[in-house]
Amino acid sequence: MVDKVFDKALEGDMRAVEFIADRLEGKVAQRVEVATNNEPIKVFDFEGVDFDQEEIITISESKVSKR
């Protein structure tokens, strides 16, 4: 398998060249940035209903049973 990839790289196959380079040098690190806005994630969309954060908390707290 190594000989086959090496032969393809010598023929100019850039995927083979990249494959060999990745194995010898390691893949280039990729940077990922994540931005958050600290807002709740909207899971359901009820047509005609607009909940704000206070309403959601009030509804959630009223549904909790006291044991």
C-alpha atoms as a PDB file:
ATOM      1  CA  MET A   1       0.000   0.000   0.000  1.00  0.00           C
ATOM      2  CA  VAL A   2       2.842   2.381   0.874  1.00  0.00           C
ATOM      3  CA  ASP A   3       4.525   1.741  -2.490  1.00  0.00           C
ATOM      4  CA  LYS A   4       1.246   2.392  -4.344  1.00  0.00           C
ATOM      5  CA  VAL A   5       0.681   5.748  -2.572  1.00  0.00           C
ATOM      6  CA  PHE A   6       4.326   6.717  -3.091  1.00  0.00           C
ATOM      7  CA  ASP A   7       4.095   5.897  -6.831  1.00  0.00           C
ATOM      8  CA  LYS A   8       0.914   7.979  -7.155  1.00  0.00           C
ATOM      9  CA  ALA A   9       2.630  10.897  -5.379  1.00  0.00           C
ATOM     10  CA  LEU A  10       5.569  10.680  -7.809  1.00  0.00           C
ATOM     11  CA  GLU A  11       3.084  10.755 -10.701  1.00  0.00           C
ATOM     12  CA  GLY A  12       1.708  14.043  -9.373  1.00  0.00           C
ATOM     13  CA  ASP A  13      -1.407  12.841  -7.546  1.00  0.00           C
ATOM     14  CA  MET A  14      -1.857  15.638  -4.994  1.00  0.00           C
ATOM     15  CA  ARG A  15      -4.132  13.528  -2.790  1.00  0.00           C
ATOM     16  CA  ALA A  16      -1.306  11.005  -2.447  1.00  0.00           C
ATOM     17  CA  VAL A  17       1.155  13.815  -1.674  1.00  0.00           C
ATOM     18  CA  GLU A  18      -1.227  15.212   0.952  1.00  0.00           C
ATOM     19  CA  PHE A  19      -1.730  11.726   2.410  1.00  0.00           C
ATOM     20  CA  ILE A  20       2.017  11.225   2.823  1.00  0.00           C
ATOM     21  CA  ALA A  21       2.545  14.726   4.248  1.00  0.00           C
ATOM     22  CA  ASP A  22      -0.281  14.252   6.761  1.00  0.00           C
ATOM     23  CA  ARG A  23       1.300  11.012   7.958  1.00  0.00           C
ATOM     24  CA  LEU A  24       4.812  12.467   8.215  1.00  0.00           C
ATOM     25  CA  GLU A  25       4.122  15.971   9.543  1.00  0.00           C
ATOM     26  CA  GLY A  26       0.628  15.617  10.984  1.00  0.00           C
ATOM     27  CA  LYS A  27      -2.454  17.484   9.853  1.00  0.00           C
ATOM     28  CA  VAL A  28      -2.537  21.251  10.117  1.00  0.00           C
ATOM     29  CA  ALA A  29      -4.367  22.401  13.244  1.00  0.00           C
ATOM     30  CA  GLN A  30      -7.673  24.120  12.555  1.00  0.00           C
ATOM     31  CA  ARG A  31      -8.965  26.879  14.763  1.00  0.00           C
ATOM     32  CA  VAL A  32     -12.653  27.042  15.598  1.00  0.00           C
ATOM     33  CA  GLU A  33     -14.238  30.017  17.332  1.00  0.00           C
ATOM     34  CA  VAL A  34     -17.517  29.715  19.189  1.00  0.00           C
ATOM     35  CA  ALA A  35     -19.556  32.780  20.051  1.00  0.00           C
ATOM     36  CA  THR A  36     -22.264  32.620  22.683  1.00  0.00           C
ATOM     37  CA  ASN A  37     -24.942  35.139  23.470  1.00  0.00           C
ATOM     38  CA  ASN A  38     -26.246  33.526  26.704  1.00  0.00           C
ATOM     39  CA  GLU A  39     -29.808  33.507  25.408  1.00  0.00           C
ATOM     40  CA  PRO A  40     -32.009  30.444  25.841  1.00  0.00           C
ATOM     41  CA  ILE A  41     -32.263  28.102  22.890  1.00  0.00           C
ATOM     42  CA  LYS A  42     -35.692  28.109  21.276  1.00  0.00           C
ATOM     43  CA  VAL A  43     -36.761  24.473  21.001  1.00  0.00           C
ATOM     44  CA  PHE A  44     -40.450  24.784  20.145  1.00  0.00           C
ATOM     45  CA  ASP A  45     -42.278  27.454  18.196  1.00  0.00           C
ATOM     46  CA  PHE A  46     -45.929  27.861  19.146  1.00  0.00           C
ATOM     47  CA  GLU A  47     -47.733  29.916  16.532  1.00  0.00           C
ATOM     48  CA  GLY A  48     -49.159  33.105  18.009  1.00  0.00           C
ATOM     49  CA  VAL A  49     -47.408  32.696  21.397  1.00  0.00           C
ATOM     50  CA  ASP A  50     -44.407  34.843  22.335  1.00  0.00           C
ATOM     51  CA  PHE A  51     -42.779  33.703  25.575  1.00  0.00           C
ATOM     52  CA  ASP A  52     -40.178  35.876  27.206  1.00  0.00           C
ATOM     53  CA  GLN A  53     -37.742  34.496  29.811  1.00  0.00           C
ATOM     54  CA  GLU A  54     -39.827  35.616  32.835  1.00  0.00           C
ATOM     55  CA  GLU A  55     -42.936  33.844  31.565  1.00  0.00           C
ATOM     56  CA  ILE A  56     -41.020  30.623  30.981  1.00  0.00           C
ATOM     57  CA  ILE A  57     -39.591  30.659  34.510  1.00  0.00           C
ATOM     58  CA  THR A  58     -43.005  31.454  36.028  1.00  0.00           C
ATOM     59  CA  ILE A  59     -44.679  28.643  34.098  1.00  0.00           C
ATOM     60  CA  SER A  60     -41.901  26.182  34.987  1.00  0.00           C
ATOM     61  CA  GLU A  61     -42.007  27.052  38.689  1.00  0.00           C
ATOM     62  CA  SER A  62     -45.805  26.756  38.857  1.00  0.00           C
ATOM     63  CA  LYS A  63     -45.661  23.232  37.394  1.00  0.00           C
ATOM     64  CA  VAL A  64     -43.176  21.932  39.994  1.00  0.00           C
ATOM     65  CA  SER A  65     -44.915  19.790  42.608  1.00  0.00           C
ATOM     66  CA  LYS A  66     -43.950  20.390  46.222  1.00  0.00           C
ATOM     67  CA  ARG A  67     -43.196  17.076  47.933  1.00  0.00           C
END
